[in-house]
Amino acid sequence: MIPTVAVGAFIFDGDGRVLLIQRGRDPGKGLWTVPGGRVEFGEPLVEAVRREIREETGLAVEVGPLIEVVERIGGAFHYVILDYLATIRGGALAPGSDVTDARFCAAADLASLPLTDGLLPVLATARAVLHSGRGAAAPASP
């Protein structure tokens, strides 16, 4: 098997809360993480972010800078995940078919949620990029 390329997005509201989804499928069923998923063959990364966010949350986003590249390896999976910053541009928040729940969470809420491994350090990086002013949108894909 070869690794699967995936994308994720860190989306913050005006109060600084981050959008998290509760995974409805394995790997990580029941855990909370940022919305995202697999990149389809021939799909530009920015388009994959937009599609995955729309499918999992009902929101339309503008994709910003790449935050970090993370790798998740488990028994039957190997994901290389490109995490981006994104800004809401429309839609209404509603969990998609492969998501159990979706909500904005304050930093204080995170301690009470079962989170995916490694989420908190990447969240800290996303917050730093957001507050640094480097959160400008990425160029649209061709």
N, C-alpha and C. Protein backbone atom coordinates (compact mmCIF):
# COMPACT_ATOMS: atom_id res chain seq x y z
N MET A 1 0.84 -1.19 0.00
CA MET A 1 0.00 0.00 0.00
C MET A 1 0.88 1.25 0.00
N ILE A 2 0.34 2.30 -0.54
CA ILE A 2 1.05 3.57 -0.53
C ILE A 2 0.30 4.54 0.39
N PRO A 3 0.98 5.56 0.91
CA PRO A 3 0.30 6.53 1.76
C PRO A 3 -0.81 7.26 1.01
N THR A 4 -1.82 7.69 1.75
CA THR A 4 -2.93 8.46 1.22
C THR A 4 -2.69 9.93 1.52
N VAL A 5 -2.84 10.78 0.52
CA VAL A 5 -2.72 12.22 0.71
C VAL A 5 -4.08 12.75 1.15
N ALA A 6 -4.08 13.57 2.20
CA ALA A 6 -5.31 14.13 2.73
C ALA A 6 -5.08 15.61 3.07
N VAL A 7 -6.18 16.32 3.28
CA VAL A 7 -6.12 17.74 3.66
C VAL A 7 -7.02 17.96 4.87
N GLY A 8 -6.72 19.00 5.60
CA GLY A 8 -7.54 19.43 6.72
C GLY A 8 -7.54 20.94 6.77
N ALA A 9 -8.48 21.51 7.54
CA ALA A 9 -8.55 22.97 7.63
C ALA A 9 -8.83 23.42 9.05
N PHE A 10 -8.06 24.40 9.48
CA PHE A 10 -8.29 25.06 10.75
C PHE A 10 -9.10 26.32 10.45
N ILE A 11 -10.31 26.38 11.01
CA ILE A 11 -11.24 27.47 10.76
C ILE A 11 -11.61 28.07 12.12
N PHE A 12 -11.40 29.36 12.27
CA PHE A 12 -11.69 30.04 13.53
C PHE A 12 -12.85 31.01 13.34
N ASP A 13 -13.67 31.15 14.39
CA ASP A 13 -14.75 32.14 14.34
C ASP A 13 -14.24 33.45 14.93
N GLY A 14 -15.10 34.46 14.99
CA GLY A 14 -14.71 35.78 15.49
C GLY A 14 -14.31 35.80 16.95
N ASP A 15 -14.71 34.76 17.70
CA ASP A 15 -14.34 34.67 19.12
C ASP A 15 -13.09 33.83 19.34
N GLY A 16 -12.44 33.40 18.25
CA GLY A 16 -11.22 32.62 18.37
C GLY A 16 -11.43 31.14 18.60
N ARG A 17 -12.69 30.70 18.50
CA ARG A 17 -12.97 29.27 18.66
C ARG A 17 -12.66 28.55 17.36
N VAL A 18 -12.21 27.30 17.46
CA VAL A 18 -11.84 26.51 16.29
C VAL A 18 -12.98 25.55 15.96
N LEU A 19 -13.20 25.36 14.67
CA LEU A 19 -14.23 24.42 14.22
C LEU A 19 -13.68 22.99 14.29
N LEU A 20 -14.37 22.13 15.02
CA LEU A 20 -14.01 20.72 15.12
C LEU A 20 -15.18 19.86 14.69
N ILE A 21 -14.85 18.69 14.19
CA ILE A 21 -15.87 17.71 13.83
C ILE A 21 -15.58 16.44 14.62
N GLN A 22 -16.65 15.70 14.91
CA GLN A 22 -16.49 14.40 15.54
C GLN A 22 -16.58 13.36 14.44
N ARG A 23 -15.52 12.57 14.29
CA ARG A 23 -15.43 11.59 13.21
C ARG A 23 -16.50 10.52 13.37
N GLY A 24 -17.18 10.23 12.27
CA GLY A 24 -18.22 9.21 12.27
C GLY A 24 -17.74 7.88 11.74
N ARG A 25 -16.50 7.83 11.27
CA ARG A 25 -15.93 6.60 10.69
C ARG A 25 -14.49 6.42 11.15
N ASP A 26 -14.03 5.18 11.06
CA ASP A 26 -12.62 4.89 11.34
C ASP A 26 -11.76 5.35 10.17
N PRO A 27 -10.50 5.68 10.38
CA PRO A 27 -9.84 5.63 11.67
C PRO A 27 -10.24 6.80 12.56
N GLY A 28 -10.29 6.56 13.84
CA GLY A 28 -10.58 7.63 14.79
C GLY A 28 -12.06 7.90 15.01
N LYS A 29 -12.91 6.94 14.74
CA LYS A 29 -14.35 7.14 14.95
C LYS A 29 -14.59 7.61 16.38
N GLY A 30 -15.38 8.68 16.51
CA GLY A 30 -15.71 9.25 17.81
C GLY A 30 -14.76 10.32 18.30
N LEU A 31 -13.60 10.44 17.67
CA LEU A 31 -12.64 11.46 18.07
C LEU A 31 -12.96 12.79 17.40
N TRP A 32 -12.51 13.86 18.03
CA TRP A 32 -12.70 15.21 17.50
C TRP A 32 -11.43 15.67 16.81
N THR A 33 -11.62 16.35 15.68
CA THR A 33 -10.50 16.85 14.89
C THR A 33 -10.99 17.98 13.99
N VAL A 34 -10.11 18.52 13.18
CA VAL A 34 -10.54 19.52 12.20
C VAL A 34 -11.14 18.80 10.99
N PRO A 35 -12.03 19.46 10.28
CA PRO A 35 -12.61 18.82 9.09
C PRO A 35 -11.57 18.63 8.00
N GLY A 36 -11.75 17.57 7.23
CA GLY A 36 -10.84 17.28 6.13
C GLY A 36 -11.02 15.86 5.64
N GLY A 37 -10.20 15.48 4.69
CA GLY A 37 -10.28 14.13 4.15
C GLY A 37 -9.35 13.93 2.98
N ARG A 38 -9.56 12.83 2.29
CA ARG A 38 -8.69 12.41 1.18
C ARG A 38 -8.77 13.34 -0.02
N VAL A 39 -7.63 13.48 -0.68
CA VAL A 39 -7.56 14.20 -1.95
C VAL A 39 -7.90 13.20 -3.05
N GLU A 40 -8.80 13.59 -3.93
CA GLU A 40 -9.18 12.71 -5.04
C GLU A 40 -8.17 12.85 -6.18
N PHE A 41 -8.02 11.79 -6.98
CA PHE A 41 -7.09 11.80 -8.09
C PHE A 41 -7.38 13.00 -9.01
N GLY A 42 -6.35 13.76 -9.35
CA GLY A 42 -6.47 14.90 -10.25
C GLY A 42 -7.04 16.15 -9.60
N GLU A 43 -7.32 16.12 -8.31
CA GLU A 43 -7.93 17.26 -7.61
C GLU A 43 -6.85 18.15 -7.00
N PRO A 44 -6.82 19.42 -7.35
CA PRO A 44 -5.87 20.34 -6.72
C PRO A 44 -6.13 20.42 -5.21
N LEU A 45 -5.08 20.61 -4.43
CA LEU A 45 -5.20 20.62 -2.97
C LEU A 45 -6.22 21.63 -2.46
N VAL A 46 -6.20 22.85 -2.99
CA VAL A 46 -7.13 23.88 -2.53
C VAL A 46 -8.58 23.44 -2.79
N GLU A 47 -8.82 22.83 -3.93
CA GLU A 47 -10.17 22.34 -4.23
C GLU A 47 -10.56 21.21 -3.29
N ALA A 48 -9.61 20.35 -2.94
CA ALA A 48 -9.89 19.27 -2.00
C ALA A 48 -10.30 19.83 -0.64
N VAL A 49 -9.61 20.88 -0.19
CA VAL A 49 -9.98 21.51 1.09
C VAL A 49 -11.41 22.04 1.00
N ARG A 50 -11.71 22.79 -0.03
CA ARG A 50 -13.06 23.36 -0.18
C ARG A 50 -14.12 22.27 -0.18
N ARG A 51 -13.88 21.21 -0.96
CA ARG A 51 -14.86 20.12 -1.07
C ARG A 51 -15.06 19.42 0.27
N GLU A 52 -13.96 19.06 0.92
CA GLU A 52 -14.08 18.34 2.19
C GLU A 52 -14.79 19.17 3.26
N ILE A 53 -14.49 20.46 3.33
CA ILE A 53 -15.15 21.32 4.31
C ILE A 53 -16.64 21.41 4.01
N ARG A 54 -16.98 21.58 2.76
CA ARG A 54 -18.40 21.65 2.36
C ARG A 54 -19.11 20.35 2.69
N GLU A 55 -18.50 19.20 2.37
CA GLU A 55 -19.12 17.90 2.62
C GLU A 55 -19.29 17.61 4.12
N GLU A 56 -18.29 17.97 4.92
CA GLU A 56 -18.33 17.62 6.34
C GLU A 56 -19.05 18.64 7.21
N THR A 57 -19.13 19.91 6.76
CA THR A 57 -19.69 20.94 7.64
C THR A 57 -20.78 21.79 7.00
N GLY A 58 -20.95 21.73 5.68
CA GLY A 58 -21.92 22.58 5.01
C GLY A 58 -21.41 23.99 4.75
N LEU A 59 -20.16 24.28 5.10
CA LEU A 59 -19.62 25.63 4.96
C LEU A 59 -18.80 25.79 3.68
N ALA A 60 -18.87 26.98 3.11
CA ALA A 60 -18.01 27.35 1.98
C ALA A 60 -16.85 28.14 2.56
N VAL A 61 -15.62 27.82 2.13
CA VAL A 61 -14.45 28.48 2.70
C VAL A 61 -13.53 29.03 1.63
N GLU A 62 -12.75 30.01 2.05
CA GLU A 62 -11.62 30.50 1.28
C GLU A 62 -10.39 29.88 1.94
N VAL A 63 -9.56 29.23 1.16
CA VAL A 63 -8.42 28.52 1.70
C VAL A 63 -7.23 29.46 1.84
N GLY A 64 -6.63 29.43 3.00
CA GLY A 64 -5.47 30.26 3.30
C GLY A 64 -4.19 29.47 3.21
N PRO A 65 -3.19 29.88 3.98
CA PRO A 65 -1.86 29.26 3.87
C PRO A 65 -1.80 27.85 4.45
N LEU A 66 -0.82 27.11 3.97
CA LEU A 66 -0.50 25.80 4.53
C LEU A 66 0.06 26.01 5.93
N ILE A 67 -0.50 25.29 6.90
CA ILE A 67 -0.06 25.41 8.29
C ILE A 67 1.05 24.41 8.60
N GLU A 68 0.78 23.15 8.26
CA GLU A 68 1.74 22.11 8.59
C GLU A 68 1.40 20.85 7.81
N VAL A 69 2.41 20.01 7.64
CA VAL A 69 2.22 18.69 7.05
C VAL A 69 2.43 17.68 8.17
N VAL A 70 1.43 16.81 8.38
CA VAL A 70 1.54 15.81 9.44
C VAL A 70 1.36 14.42 8.84
N GLU A 71 1.86 13.45 9.56
CA GLU A 71 1.77 12.07 9.10
C GLU A 71 1.11 11.26 10.20
N ARG A 72 0.13 10.46 9.82
CA ARG A 72 -0.56 9.57 10.75
C ARG A 72 -0.45 8.15 10.21
N ILE A 73 0.15 7.28 11.02
CA ILE A 73 0.33 5.89 10.61
C ILE A 73 -0.28 5.00 11.68
N GLY A 74 -1.14 4.10 11.24
CA GLY A 74 -1.77 3.13 12.15
C GLY A 74 -1.79 1.78 11.48
N GLY A 75 -2.34 0.81 12.16
CA GLY A 75 -2.36 -0.56 11.66
C GLY A 75 -2.61 -0.70 10.17
N ALA A 76 -3.71 -0.16 9.66
CA ALA A 76 -4.08 -0.34 8.25
C ALA A 76 -4.12 0.97 7.48
N PHE A 77 -3.52 2.02 8.02
CA PHE A 77 -3.55 3.30 7.30
C PHE A 77 -2.23 4.04 7.43
N HIS A 78 -1.99 4.89 6.45
CA HIS A 78 -0.84 5.80 6.43
C HIS A 78 -1.30 7.05 5.68
N TYR A 79 -1.54 8.13 6.41
CA TYR A 79 -2.00 9.38 5.83
C TYR A 79 -0.90 10.43 5.90
N VAL A 80 -0.73 11.18 4.84
CA VAL A 80 0.08 12.39 4.82
C VAL A 80 -0.94 13.52 4.68
N ILE A 81 -1.04 14.35 5.71
CA ILE A 81 -2.12 15.35 5.79
C ILE A 81 -1.54 16.75 5.70
N LEU A 82 -2.06 17.53 4.76
CA LEU A 82 -1.68 18.92 4.61
C LEU A 82 -2.77 19.77 5.25
N ASP A 83 -2.42 20.43 6.35
CA ASP A 83 -3.38 21.24 7.09
C ASP A 83 -3.25 22.71 6.70
N TYR A 84 -4.38 23.31 6.37
CA TYR A 84 -4.44 24.70 5.93
C TYR A 84 -5.24 25.54 6.93
N LEU A 85 -5.07 26.84 6.84
CA LEU A 85 -5.94 27.79 7.50
C LEU A 85 -7.04 28.12 6.49
N ALA A 86 -8.27 28.30 6.95
CA ALA A 86 -9.37 28.66 6.03
C ALA A 86 -10.31 29.63 6.72
N THR A 87 -11.04 30.39 5.91
CA THR A 87 -11.99 31.38 6.39
C THR A 87 -13.36 31.09 5.81
N ILE A 88 -14.39 31.16 6.64
CA ILE A 88 -15.76 30.90 6.18
C ILE A 88 -16.21 32.03 5.26
N ARG A 89 -16.80 31.65 4.14
CA ARG A 89 -17.34 32.61 3.18
C ARG A 89 -18.83 32.39 2.92
N GLY A 90 -19.42 31.35 3.50
CA GLY A 90 -20.84 31.12 3.31
C GLY A 90 -21.26 29.76 3.84
N GLY A 91 -22.53 29.45 3.66
CA GLY A 91 -23.07 28.17 4.10
C GLY A 91 -23.58 28.24 5.53
N ALA A 92 -24.09 27.11 6.00
CA ALA A 92 -24.59 26.99 7.37
C ALA A 92 -24.00 25.73 7.98
N LEU A 93 -23.51 25.85 9.20
CA LEU A 93 -22.86 24.73 9.86
C LEU A 93 -23.84 23.59 10.11
N ALA A 94 -23.53 22.42 9.56
CA ALA A 94 -24.33 21.22 9.76
C ALA A 94 -23.44 20.01 9.50
N PRO A 95 -23.43 19.02 10.41
CA PRO A 95 -22.58 17.86 10.21
C PRO A 95 -22.96 17.08 8.96
N GLY A 96 -21.96 16.66 8.18
CA GLY A 96 -22.18 15.87 6.98
C GLY A 96 -22.41 14.40 7.33
N SER A 97 -22.56 13.58 6.31
CA SER A 97 -22.93 12.18 6.51
C SER A 97 -21.86 11.35 7.21
N ASP A 98 -20.59 11.73 7.09
CA ASP A 98 -19.54 10.95 7.75
C ASP A 98 -19.03 11.62 9.03
N VAL A 99 -19.83 12.58 9.54
CA VAL A 99 -19.49 13.34 10.73
C VAL A 99 -20.64 13.20 11.73
N THR A 100 -20.31 12.92 13.00
CA THR A 100 -21.33 12.77 14.02
C THR A 100 -21.78 14.13 14.56
N ASP A 101 -20.85 15.09 14.66
CA ASP A 101 -21.15 16.41 15.20
C ASP A 101 -20.13 17.39 14.65
N ALA A 102 -20.49 18.67 14.64
CA ALA A 102 -19.60 19.75 14.22
C ALA A 102 -19.92 20.97 15.06
N ARG A 103 -18.86 21.59 15.62
CA ARG A 103 -19.10 22.77 16.44
C ARG A 103 -17.82 23.58 16.63
N PHE A 104 -18.01 24.84 16.97
CA PHE A 104 -16.87 25.69 17.30
C PHE A 104 -16.55 25.48 18.78
N CYS A 105 -15.28 25.30 19.08
CA CYS A 105 -14.84 24.99 20.43
C CYS A 105 -13.82 26.01 20.92
N ALA A 106 -14.05 26.49 22.15
CA ALA A 106 -13.08 27.36 22.80
C ALA A 106 -11.94 26.51 23.35
N ALA A 107 -10.83 27.15 23.65
CA ALA A 107 -9.67 26.44 24.18
C ALA A 107 -10.04 25.64 25.43
N ALA A 108 -10.91 26.18 26.28
CA ALA A 108 -11.32 25.50 27.51
C ALA A 108 -12.11 24.22 27.23
N ASP A 109 -12.77 24.14 26.08
CA ASP A 109 -13.57 22.96 25.73
C ASP A 109 -12.69 21.77 25.34
N LEU A 110 -11.50 22.03 24.86
CA LEU A 110 -10.66 20.98 24.28
C LEU A 110 -10.26 19.91 25.29
N ALA A 111 -10.09 20.28 26.55
CA ALA A 111 -9.67 19.33 27.57
C ALA A 111 -10.73 18.26 27.83
N SER A 112 -11.98 18.56 27.54
CA SER A 112 -13.06 17.61 27.81
C SER A 112 -13.44 16.76 26.59
N LEU A 113 -12.77 16.97 25.46
CA LEU A 113 -13.09 16.23 24.24
C LEU A 113 -12.00 15.20 23.93
N PRO A 114 -12.41 14.02 23.45
CA PRO A 114 -11.39 13.08 22.97
C PRO A 114 -10.89 13.54 21.60
N LEU A 115 -9.67 14.02 21.55
CA LEU A 115 -9.09 14.61 20.33
C LEU A 115 -8.21 13.60 19.61
N THR A 116 -8.06 13.79 18.30
CA THR A 116 -7.13 12.96 17.55
C THR A 116 -5.70 13.26 18.02
N ASP A 117 -4.85 12.24 17.95
CA ASP A 117 -3.46 12.40 18.36
C ASP A 117 -2.79 13.52 17.56
N GLY A 118 -2.06 14.36 18.27
CA GLY A 118 -1.27 15.39 17.62
C GLY A 118 -2.03 16.64 17.21
N LEU A 119 -3.33 16.73 17.54
CA LEU A 119 -4.11 17.90 17.11
C LEU A 119 -3.64 19.19 17.80
N LEU A 120 -3.40 19.14 19.09
CA LEU A 120 -3.11 20.36 19.84
C LEU A 120 -1.87 21.11 19.37
N PRO A 121 -0.75 20.45 19.07
CA PRO A 121 0.41 21.22 18.57
C PRO A 121 0.14 21.90 17.23
N VAL A 122 -0.59 21.23 16.35
CA VAL A 122 -0.89 21.84 15.05
C VAL A 122 -1.88 22.99 15.24
N LEU A 123 -2.82 22.85 16.17
CA LEU A 123 -3.74 23.94 16.49
C LEU A 123 -2.97 25.15 16.99
N ALA A 124 -1.97 24.94 17.82
CA ALA A 124 -1.14 26.06 18.30
C ALA A 124 -0.43 26.75 17.15
N THR A 125 0.08 25.97 16.21
CA THR A 125 0.72 26.55 15.03
C THR A 125 -0.28 27.34 14.20
N ALA A 126 -1.49 26.80 14.03
CA ALA A 126 -2.54 27.50 13.26
C ALA A 126 -2.89 28.83 13.91
N ARG A 127 -3.03 28.83 15.23
CA ARG A 127 -3.34 30.09 15.94
C ARG A 127 -2.21 31.11 15.75
N ALA A 128 -0.97 30.64 15.80
CA ALA A 128 0.18 31.54 15.63
C ALA A 128 0.18 32.15 14.23
N VAL A 129 -0.10 31.34 13.21
CA VAL A 129 -0.15 31.86 11.84
C VAL A 129 -1.31 32.84 11.70
N LEU A 130 -2.45 32.52 12.27
CA LEU A 130 -3.63 33.40 12.21
C LEU A 130 -3.31 34.77 12.80
N HIS A 131 -2.64 34.78 13.95
CA HIS A 131 -2.35 36.04 14.65
C HIS A 131 -1.12 36.74 14.10
N SER A 132 -0.37 36.08 13.24
CA SER A 132 0.84 36.72 12.69
C SER A 132 0.54 37.61 11.50
N GLY A 133 -0.69 37.50 10.97
CA GLY A 133 -1.03 38.26 9.78
C GLY A 133 -0.71 37.54 8.50
N ARG A 134 -0.15 36.31 8.61
CA ARG A 134 0.15 35.52 7.41
C ARG A 134 -1.04 34.71 6.96
N GLY A 135 -2.23 34.99 7.50
CA GLY A 135 -3.41 34.20 7.21
C GLY A 135 -4.11 34.55 5.92
N ALA A 136 -3.41 35.18 4.98
CA ALA A 136 -4.02 35.55 3.70
C ALA A 136 -4.38 34.29 2.93
N ALA A 137 -5.38 34.40 2.11
CA ALA A 137 -5.85 33.25 1.34
C ALA A 137 -4.81 32.80 0.31
N ALA A 138 -4.81 31.50 0.09
CA ALA A 138 -3.96 30.92 -0.95
C ALA A 138 -4.54 31.27 -2.30
N PRO A 139 -3.73 31.29 -3.34
CA PRO A 139 -4.27 31.56 -4.66
C PRO A 139 -5.24 30.45 -5.08
N ALA A 140 -6.23 30.83 -5.83
CA ALA A 140 -7.20 29.85 -6.32
C ALA A 140 -6.51 28.88 -7.25
N SER A 141 -7.00 27.67 -7.24
CA SER A 141 -6.41 26.66 -8.13
C SER A 141 -6.88 26.91 -9.56
N PRO A 142 -6.08 26.43 -10.52
CA PRO A 142 -6.44 26.66 -11.94
C PRO A 142 -7.72 25.97 -12.32
